[in-house]
Protein backbone atom coordinates (compact mmCIF):
# COMPACT_ATOMS: atom_id res chain seq x y z
CA MET A 1 39.33 88.05 143.13
CA ALA A 2 42.83 86.54 143.32
CA ALA A 3 42.81 86.74 147.13
CA ASP A 4 40.55 83.69 147.34
CA ILE A 5 42.46 81.57 144.80
CA TYR A 6 45.08 79.05 145.86
CA VAL A 7 47.80 77.35 143.78
CA ALA A 8 49.08 73.81 144.35
CA VAL A 9 52.79 73.88 145.18
CA GLU A 10 53.35 70.17 144.61
CA SER A 11 51.75 67.30 142.74
CA VAL A 12 49.99 64.56 144.66
CA LEU A 13 47.41 61.80 144.23
CA THR A 14 44.66 62.17 146.82
CA GLU A 15 41.03 61.27 147.44
CA VAL A 16 38.20 63.81 147.33
CA ASP A 17 34.61 62.78 148.02
CA GLY A 18 35.52 59.11 147.52
CA GLU A 19 37.27 59.60 144.15
CA ASN A 20 40.98 59.60 143.33
CA VAL A 21 42.14 63.03 142.17
CA TYR A 22 45.61 63.92 140.87
CA ILE A 23 46.55 67.46 141.89
CA THR A 24 49.28 68.87 139.65
CA ALA A 25 51.62 71.60 140.90
CA GLY A 26 50.31 74.88 139.51
CA GLN A 27 46.64 73.94 139.48
CA THR A 28 44.32 76.40 141.19
CA ALA A 29 41.35 76.15 143.53
CA ARG A 30 39.01 78.77 144.96
CA ALA A 31 38.71 79.11 148.75
CA GLY A 32 36.07 76.76 150.13
CA HIS A 33 36.52 74.05 147.49
CA PRO A 34 36.64 70.51 148.95
CA ILE A 35 40.05 69.90 147.31
CA LEU A 36 41.56 72.29 149.89
CA GLU A 37 40.08 70.65 153.00
CA GLY A 38 42.84 68.87 154.90
CA ARG A 39 45.33 69.68 152.13
CA GLU A 40 46.07 73.30 152.96
CA ALA A 41 49.83 72.62 153.11
CA LEU A 42 49.76 71.62 149.41
CA PHE A 43 48.52 75.08 148.36
CA GLU A 44 49.59 78.69 148.70
CA PRO A 45 47.71 81.91 147.93
CA PHE A 46 47.75 82.87 144.25
CA LYS A 47 50.08 85.81 143.55
CA VAL A 48 49.19 88.16 140.71
CA ASP A 49 52.24 89.32 138.77
CA TYR A 50 50.52 91.99 136.66
CA GLU A 51 47.67 93.86 138.29
CA VAL A 52 45.40 96.29 136.45
CA GLY A 53 46.82 99.77 136.91
CA ASP A 54 50.34 98.59 137.73
CA ASP A 55 53.09 99.87 135.44
CA ALA A 56 55.70 97.34 136.52
CA PRO A 57 55.56 93.60 137.22
CA ALA A 58 55.50 92.36 140.78
CA GLU A 59 58.90 91.95 142.37
CA ALA A 60 60.51 88.82 140.99
CA VAL A 61 62.29 86.30 143.17
CA ALA A 62 66.04 86.68 142.90
CA PRO A 63 67.53 83.91 140.76
CA GLU A 64 69.59 81.26 142.49
CA ALA A 65 73.27 80.86 141.83
CA GLY A 66 74.02 79.10 138.57
CA GLY A 67 71.56 81.04 136.40
CA GLY A 68 68.49 80.29 138.50
CA LEU A 69 67.96 76.75 137.22
CA PRO A 70 67.29 74.10 139.85
CA LYS A 71 70.10 71.61 140.34
CA GLY A 72 70.14 68.85 137.74
CA ASN A 73 69.12 66.28 140.34
CA ALA A 74 66.43 68.48 141.91
CA SER A 75 63.03 66.87 142.44
CA LEU A 76 60.35 66.71 139.78
CA GLN A 77 58.30 69.16 141.88
CA GLU A 78 61.15 71.71 141.93
CA TRP A 79 61.53 71.47 138.16
CA GLN A 80 57.74 71.74 137.69
CA ALA A 81 57.60 74.86 139.88
CA TYR A 82 60.48 76.38 137.90
CA ALA A 83 58.81 75.51 134.59
CA LEU A 84 55.49 77.02 135.68
CA ALA A 85 57.28 80.20 136.72
CA HIS A 86 59.01 80.32 133.32
CA GLY A 87 56.09 79.96 130.95
CA LEU A 88 55.01 76.31 130.75
CA THR A 89 51.47 75.38 131.73
CA ALA A 90 50.38 72.56 134.04
CA GLU A 91 48.90 70.78 131.03
CA GLU A 92 52.23 70.95 129.18
CA LEU A 93 54.08 69.65 132.25
CA GLU A 94 51.79 66.75 133.12
CA PRO A 95 53.33 64.17 130.73
CA LEU A 96 56.94 65.32 131.22
CA THR A 97 59.56 63.67 133.40
CA ARG A 98 62.00 65.63 135.50
CA ASP A 99 64.75 65.01 132.95
CA GLN A 100 62.58 66.20 130.05
CA ILE A 101 61.76 69.43 131.90
CA ARG A 102 65.44 69.91 132.80
CA ASP A 103 66.51 69.31 129.21
CA HIS A 104 63.91 71.78 127.91
CA PHE A 105 65.37 74.58 130.04
CA SER A 106 69.00 73.52 129.66
CA GLN A 107 69.05 73.84 125.88
CA PRO A 108 70.72 77.03 124.62
CA GLY A 109 68.53 79.61 122.90
């Protein structure tokens, strides 16, 4: 059930059970997993966009001024969040810099 799944809203290097773990924005964890303990502010509840039986997608967030793109000098985390919301996966984003993500979405067509 999606109600017990949480999505990381930012990337961070942390320690879980004595081991270093890199949490990437967009990664998910189920309620009760040790990765969530003490890191609740890094996660938000997972939101399903297309539910079984729904005819229309969930209400989309209104785009920001300027076509909805983050500002060119926005943080890596802002660009990662935008990229995740626009079709890239966490695995695709992991090796990319902020400028590479920005350039990917700034290219026409």
